[in-house]
Amino acid sequence: MPAIWQLPSRSAQYFHDPRFVRRTMSIYRLSLLLTCLAAPAAAMSPREATPELLPVTYRCDGGVSVPVVFLNPPQSDAGYASTVIDGKLMVLTLVRSASGARYRSDQTAPGYQIWVKGDEAMITKGPETADTPVAQGCRVAD
């Protein structure tokens, strides 16, 4: 079975697949929800910037395509990434990283991470000290 974000050989049919539509709509609904949650803070101080919402699609080794939506509230150290992994809509929280950005799911098992540096990314699964790659060689799609 292909990875949940991998396009089948007939990609035109993929976009008409109800599962693809549900996953895509779930990501956009979550993005809207996160934006709405951040909106009251922006409304209280109208001169402040609104949260940055950045949808990105990564193309990884093996032809895997991974859509991710990043939400970065203004003047905050918080950050979030949402994507669909193993058929589940996941919200990952920005955590400390030595270089680049690292987003980690709040679930202890299996514990997914998205490592981002520039226009490159890697998705891993497992505990912080023993995570294994799920998708490697990911670059922002044109």
Protein backbone atom coordinates (compact mmCIF):
# COMPACT_ATOMS: atom_id res chain seq x y z
CA MET A 1 0.00 0.00 0.00
CA PRO A 2 1.47 3.40 -0.92
CA ALA A 3 2.14 6.01 1.74
CA ILE A 4 -0.92 8.11 2.55
CA TRP A 5 0.50 11.14 0.81
CA GLN A 6 1.92 9.34 -2.22
CA LEU A 7 0.24 10.05 -5.53
CA PRO A 8 -0.79 6.93 -7.45
CA SER A 9 0.43 6.44 -11.00
CA ARG A 10 -2.80 7.95 -12.36
CA SER A 11 -2.56 11.25 -10.47
CA ALA A 12 -5.52 12.86 -12.30
CA GLN A 13 -7.82 10.25 -10.73
CA TYR A 14 -6.25 10.88 -7.34
CA PHE A 15 -7.67 14.40 -7.16
CA HIS A 16 -11.17 12.96 -7.63
CA ASP A 17 -10.64 10.34 -4.92
CA PRO A 18 -12.93 11.11 -1.94
CA ARG A 19 -10.14 10.20 0.49
CA PHE A 20 -7.86 12.85 -1.03
CA VAL A 21 -10.64 15.44 -0.90
CA ARG A 22 -11.39 14.60 2.77
CA ARG A 23 -7.71 14.82 3.75
CA THR A 24 -7.21 18.09 1.90
CA MET A 25 -10.37 19.60 3.35
CA SER A 26 -9.35 18.44 6.85
CA ILE A 27 -6.02 20.22 6.54
CA TYR A 28 -7.68 23.42 5.35
CA ARG A 29 -10.36 23.20 8.07
CA LEU A 30 -7.65 22.82 10.69
CA SER A 31 -5.79 25.78 9.21
CA LEU A 32 -8.95 27.86 9.40
CA LEU A 33 -9.54 26.72 12.99
CA LEU A 34 -5.99 27.62 14.02
CA THR A 35 -6.36 31.00 12.34
CA CYS A 36 -9.66 31.61 14.16
CA LEU A 37 -8.08 30.66 17.47
CA ALA A 38 -5.29 33.15 16.90
CA ALA A 39 -7.67 35.87 15.64
CA PRO A 40 -8.88 37.12 19.07
CA ALA A 41 -5.35 38.10 20.00
CA ALA A 42 -5.01 39.99 16.72
CA ALA A 43 -8.43 41.62 17.23
CA MET A 44 -7.44 42.91 20.67
CA SER A 45 -4.53 44.81 19.19
CA PRO A 46 -5.53 45.80 15.63
CA ARG A 47 -2.13 47.21 14.81
CA GLU A 48 -0.46 43.85 15.37
CA ALA A 49 0.26 41.52 12.50
CA THR A 50 -2.06 38.59 11.86
CA PRO A 51 -0.80 35.00 12.15
CA GLU A 52 1.25 33.76 9.26
CA LEU A 53 -0.45 30.80 7.57
CA LEU A 54 1.80 29.03 5.10
CA PRO A 55 0.62 26.00 3.08
CA VAL A 56 3.55 24.03 1.66
CA THR A 57 3.79 20.81 -0.31
CA TYR A 58 7.01 18.83 -0.01
CA ARG A 59 8.13 16.35 -2.66
CA CYS A 60 10.20 13.60 -1.08
CA ASP A 61 12.32 10.66 -2.25
CA GLY A 62 10.29 7.94 -3.90
CA GLY A 63 7.75 10.39 -5.35
CA VAL A 64 6.04 10.99 -2.01
CA SER A 65 4.09 14.26 -1.76
CA VAL A 66 3.48 15.71 1.72
CA PRO A 67 1.14 18.72 2.17
CA VAL A 68 1.82 20.72 5.35
CA VAL A 69 0.25 23.91 6.68
CA PHE A 70 2.41 26.01 9.02
CA LEU A 71 0.88 28.54 11.44
CA ASN A 72 3.14 31.06 13.10
CA PRO A 73 1.44 33.51 15.48
CA PRO A 74 3.02 37.00 15.43
CA GLN A 75 5.39 38.03 18.21
CA SER A 76 5.34 34.55 19.71
CA ASP A 77 7.71 31.64 20.06
CA ALA A 78 4.82 29.25 19.37
CA GLY A 79 4.39 27.61 15.99
CA TYR A 80 2.34 24.77 14.58
CA ALA A 81 2.34 22.47 11.57
CA SER A 82 -0.63 20.41 10.42
CA THR A 83 -0.56 17.46 8.05
CA VAL A 84 -2.14 14.07 7.51
CA ILE A 85 0.03 11.14 8.66
CA ASP A 86 -1.15 7.53 8.60
CA GLY A 87 -4.65 8.72 7.74
CA LYS A 88 -4.86 11.00 10.79
CA LEU A 89 -4.90 14.77 10.86
CA MET A 90 -1.95 15.73 13.04
CA VAL A 91 -1.07 19.03 14.68
CA LEU A 92 2.60 19.28 15.52
CA THR A 93 4.03 21.90 17.85
CA LEU A 94 7.25 23.83 17.32
CA VAL A 95 9.90 22.54 19.75
CA ARG A 96 13.51 23.40 20.43
CA SER A 97 15.97 22.61 17.65
CA ALA A 98 19.68 23.25 17.30
CA SER A 99 19.31 24.27 13.67
CA GLY A 100 16.24 24.92 11.53
CA ALA A 101 12.79 24.15 12.93
CA ARG A 102 11.39 20.98 14.46
CA TYR A 103 7.70 20.28 14.89
CA ARG A 104 6.66 17.35 17.09
CA SER A 105 3.28 15.70 17.66
CA ASP A 106 1.99 15.78 21.22
CA GLN A 107 1.30 12.07 21.07
CA THR A 108 3.91 10.02 22.88
CA ALA A 109 3.45 7.02 20.60
CA PRO A 110 4.47 6.94 17.85
CA GLY A 111 5.61 10.58 18.05
CA TYR A 112 5.97 12.13 14.61
CA GLN A 113 8.35 14.96 13.82
CA ILE A 114 8.85 17.28 10.87
CA TRP A 115 12.36 18.67 10.63
CA VAL A 116 12.58 21.80 8.43
CA LYS A 117 15.62 23.76 7.34
CA GLY A 118 15.25 26.23 4.48
CA ASP A 119 13.26 24.56 1.72
CA GLU A 120 14.19 21.04 2.86
CA ALA A 121 12.35 18.77 5.29
CA MET A 122 12.38 15.28 6.76
CA ILE A 123 9.59 13.41 8.56
CA THR A 124 10.46 10.95 11.31
CA LYS A 125 8.55 8.68 13.67
CA GLY A 126 9.37 7.42 17.15
CA PRO A 127 10.74 8.67 20.44
CA GLU A 128 13.01 11.70 20.31
CA THR A 129 16.15 9.71 20.96
CA ALA A 130 15.39 6.85 18.54
CA ASP A 131 13.25 8.25 15.73
CA THR A 132 13.32 6.65 12.29
CA PRO A 133 12.78 8.39 8.93
CA VAL A 134 9.34 8.17 7.32
CA ALA A 135 10.01 10.54 4.41
CA GLN A 136 13.47 11.83 3.46
CA GLY A 137 14.94 14.12 0.83
CA CYS A 138 11.89 16.38 0.93
CA ARG A 139 12.03 19.71 -0.88
CA VAL A 140 9.39 22.41 -1.37
CA ALA A 141 7.47 21.66 -4.58
CA ASP A 142 7.48 24.37 -7.24
